[in-house]
Amino acid sequence: MAVAIDIDSCIACGACAEACPNDALEVDDYAEVDEDACIECGICVDTCPVEAISL
């Protein structure tokens, strides 16, 4: 199971996408996860300033 994004809380800042070592996140109106690329490292969870990402 990849990370979960709370799209109502996501502010589309892009911090998670920049921090992701596998380029598994893309941000437009909110962050979206490529579950095939996600390795569940948790870096995006720690990076999100509004706690919109969880494992």
N, C-alpha and C. Protein backbone atom coordinates (compact mmCIF):
# COMPACT_ATOMS: atom_id res chain seq x y z
N MET A 1 0.84 -1.18 0.00
CA MET A 1 0.00 0.00 0.00
C MET A 1 0.88 1.24 0.00
N ALA A 2 0.67 2.12 -0.93
CA ALA A 2 1.46 3.34 -1.04
C ALA A 2 0.93 4.39 -0.05
N VAL A 3 1.56 5.52 -0.04
CA VAL A 3 1.12 6.60 0.83
C VAL A 3 -0.28 7.08 0.42
N ALA A 4 -0.98 7.66 1.39
CA ALA A 4 -2.31 8.20 1.13
C ALA A 4 -2.23 9.72 1.21
N ILE A 5 -2.89 10.38 0.27
CA ILE A 5 -2.92 11.84 0.23
C ILE A 5 -4.30 12.31 0.62
N ASP A 6 -4.37 13.21 1.59
CA ASP A 6 -5.64 13.85 1.95
C ASP A 6 -5.77 15.06 1.03
N ILE A 7 -6.53 14.91 -0.05
CA ILE A 7 -6.60 15.97 -1.06
C ILE A 7 -7.27 17.24 -0.55
N ASP A 8 -8.05 17.12 0.51
CA ASP A 8 -8.68 18.31 1.09
C ASP A 8 -7.67 19.14 1.90
N SER A 9 -6.64 18.47 2.42
CA SER A 9 -5.61 19.17 3.21
C SER A 9 -4.42 19.60 2.38
N CYS A 10 -4.17 18.91 1.27
CA CYS A 10 -3.00 19.19 0.43
C CYS A 10 -3.07 20.62 -0.14
N ILE A 11 -1.96 21.34 0.00
CA ILE A 11 -1.89 22.71 -0.51
C ILE A 11 -1.08 22.80 -1.81
N ALA A 12 -0.73 21.65 -2.37
CA ALA A 12 -0.01 21.56 -3.65
C ALA A 12 1.29 22.37 -3.65
N CYS A 13 2.01 22.31 -2.53
CA CYS A 13 3.26 23.07 -2.43
C CYS A 13 4.41 22.41 -3.19
N GLY A 14 4.32 21.07 -3.39
CA GLY A 14 5.36 20.37 -4.12
C GLY A 14 6.52 19.87 -3.29
N ALA A 15 6.50 20.12 -1.99
CA ALA A 15 7.61 19.68 -1.14
C ALA A 15 7.78 18.17 -1.17
N CYS A 16 6.69 17.45 -1.20
CA CYS A 16 6.75 15.98 -1.22
C CYS A 16 7.39 15.48 -2.51
N ALA A 17 6.99 16.05 -3.62
CA ALA A 17 7.53 15.63 -4.92
C ALA A 17 9.03 15.92 -5.02
N GLU A 18 9.45 17.06 -4.49
CA GLU A 18 10.87 17.40 -4.50
C GLU A 18 11.68 16.46 -3.63
N ALA A 19 11.10 16.01 -2.52
CA ALA A 19 11.82 15.16 -1.57
C ALA A 19 11.83 13.69 -1.96
N CYS A 20 10.90 13.27 -2.79
CA CYS A 20 10.75 11.85 -3.12
C CYS A 20 11.96 11.32 -3.91
N PRO A 21 12.63 10.29 -3.39
CA PRO A 21 13.80 9.76 -4.09
C PRO A 21 13.46 8.94 -5.34
N ASN A 22 12.19 8.57 -5.51
CA ASN A 22 11.80 7.75 -6.65
C ASN A 22 10.90 8.48 -7.64
N ASP A 23 10.74 9.77 -7.47
CA ASP A 23 9.85 10.56 -8.34
C ASP A 23 8.46 9.93 -8.42
N ALA A 24 7.95 9.48 -7.27
CA ALA A 24 6.66 8.79 -7.22
C ALA A 24 5.49 9.74 -6.98
N LEU A 25 5.78 11.02 -6.84
CA LEU A 25 4.72 12.00 -6.58
C LEU A 25 4.69 13.06 -7.67
N GLU A 26 3.50 13.44 -8.05
CA GLU A 26 3.28 14.51 -9.02
C GLU A 26 2.26 15.46 -8.41
N VAL A 27 2.48 16.74 -8.58
CA VAL A 27 1.59 17.73 -7.97
C VAL A 27 1.01 18.65 -9.04
N ASP A 28 -0.31 18.69 -9.09
CA ASP A 28 -1.05 19.67 -9.89
C ASP A 28 -1.92 20.45 -8.92
N ASP A 29 -3.19 20.13 -8.84
CA ASP A 29 -4.07 20.76 -7.86
C ASP A 29 -3.85 20.17 -6.47
N TYR A 30 -3.33 18.95 -6.43
CA TYR A 30 -2.96 18.26 -5.19
C TYR A 30 -1.97 17.15 -5.56
N ALA A 31 -1.30 16.60 -4.58
CA ALA A 31 -0.31 15.56 -4.83
C ALA A 31 -0.99 14.25 -5.20
N GLU A 32 -0.38 13.54 -6.14
CA GLU A 32 -0.85 12.21 -6.52
C GLU A 32 0.34 11.26 -6.50
N VAL A 33 0.09 10.03 -6.07
CA VAL A 33 1.15 9.04 -5.91
C VAL A 33 1.10 8.00 -7.02
N ASP A 34 2.26 7.72 -7.59
CA ASP A 34 2.41 6.59 -8.52
C ASP A 34 2.72 5.39 -7.64
N GLU A 35 1.71 4.56 -7.39
CA GLU A 35 1.87 3.44 -6.46
C GLU A 35 2.92 2.44 -6.91
N ASP A 36 3.16 2.33 -8.20
CA ASP A 36 4.18 1.42 -8.70
C ASP A 36 5.58 1.92 -8.39
N ALA A 37 5.75 3.23 -8.33
CA ALA A 37 7.07 3.81 -8.07
C ALA A 37 7.34 4.04 -6.58
N CYS A 38 6.28 4.14 -5.79
CA CYS A 38 6.42 4.43 -4.36
C CYS A 38 7.06 3.25 -3.62
N ILE A 39 8.09 3.55 -2.83
CA ILE A 39 8.77 2.52 -2.04
C ILE A 39 8.42 2.63 -0.55
N GLU A 40 7.46 3.49 -0.24
CA GLU A 40 6.97 3.68 1.13
C GLU A 40 8.08 4.04 2.11
N CYS A 41 8.98 4.91 1.68
CA CYS A 41 10.10 5.31 2.54
C CYS A 41 9.68 6.31 3.63
N GLY A 42 8.58 7.04 3.38
CA GLY A 42 8.07 7.98 4.38
C GLY A 42 8.66 9.38 4.32
N ILE A 43 9.56 9.62 3.40
CA ILE A 43 10.17 10.95 3.32
C ILE A 43 9.11 12.01 3.03
N CYS A 44 8.17 11.70 2.16
CA CYS A 44 7.12 12.67 1.84
C CYS A 44 6.24 12.97 3.05
N VAL A 45 6.00 11.95 3.87
CA VAL A 45 5.19 12.14 5.08
C VAL A 45 5.88 13.14 6.00
N ASP A 46 7.18 12.96 6.18
CA ASP A 46 7.95 13.86 7.06
C ASP A 46 8.09 15.25 6.47
N THR A 47 8.06 15.36 5.15
CA THR A 47 8.28 16.64 4.47
C THR A 47 7.03 17.50 4.38
N CYS A 48 5.85 16.90 4.34
CA CYS A 48 4.62 17.65 4.13
C CYS A 48 4.36 18.64 5.28
N PRO A 49 4.26 19.94 4.95
CA PRO A 49 4.09 20.95 5.99
C PRO A 49 2.69 20.98 6.59
N VAL A 50 1.72 20.36 5.94
CA VAL A 50 0.34 20.38 6.45
C VAL A 50 -0.15 18.99 6.85
N GLU A 51 0.76 18.03 6.91
CA GLU A 51 0.44 16.65 7.32
C GLU A 51 -0.68 16.05 6.50
N ALA A 52 -0.64 16.26 5.17
CA ALA A 52 -1.68 15.74 4.27
C ALA A 52 -1.33 14.35 3.74
N ILE A 53 -0.18 13.81 4.13
CA ILE A 53 0.28 12.53 3.62
C ILE A 53 0.46 11.57 4.78
N SER A 54 0.01 10.34 4.58
CA SER A 54 0.19 9.31 5.62
C SER A 54 0.54 7.98 4.97
N LEU A 55 1.14 7.11 5.76
CA LEU A 55 1.46 5.76 5.30
C LEU A 55 0.43 4.79 5.86
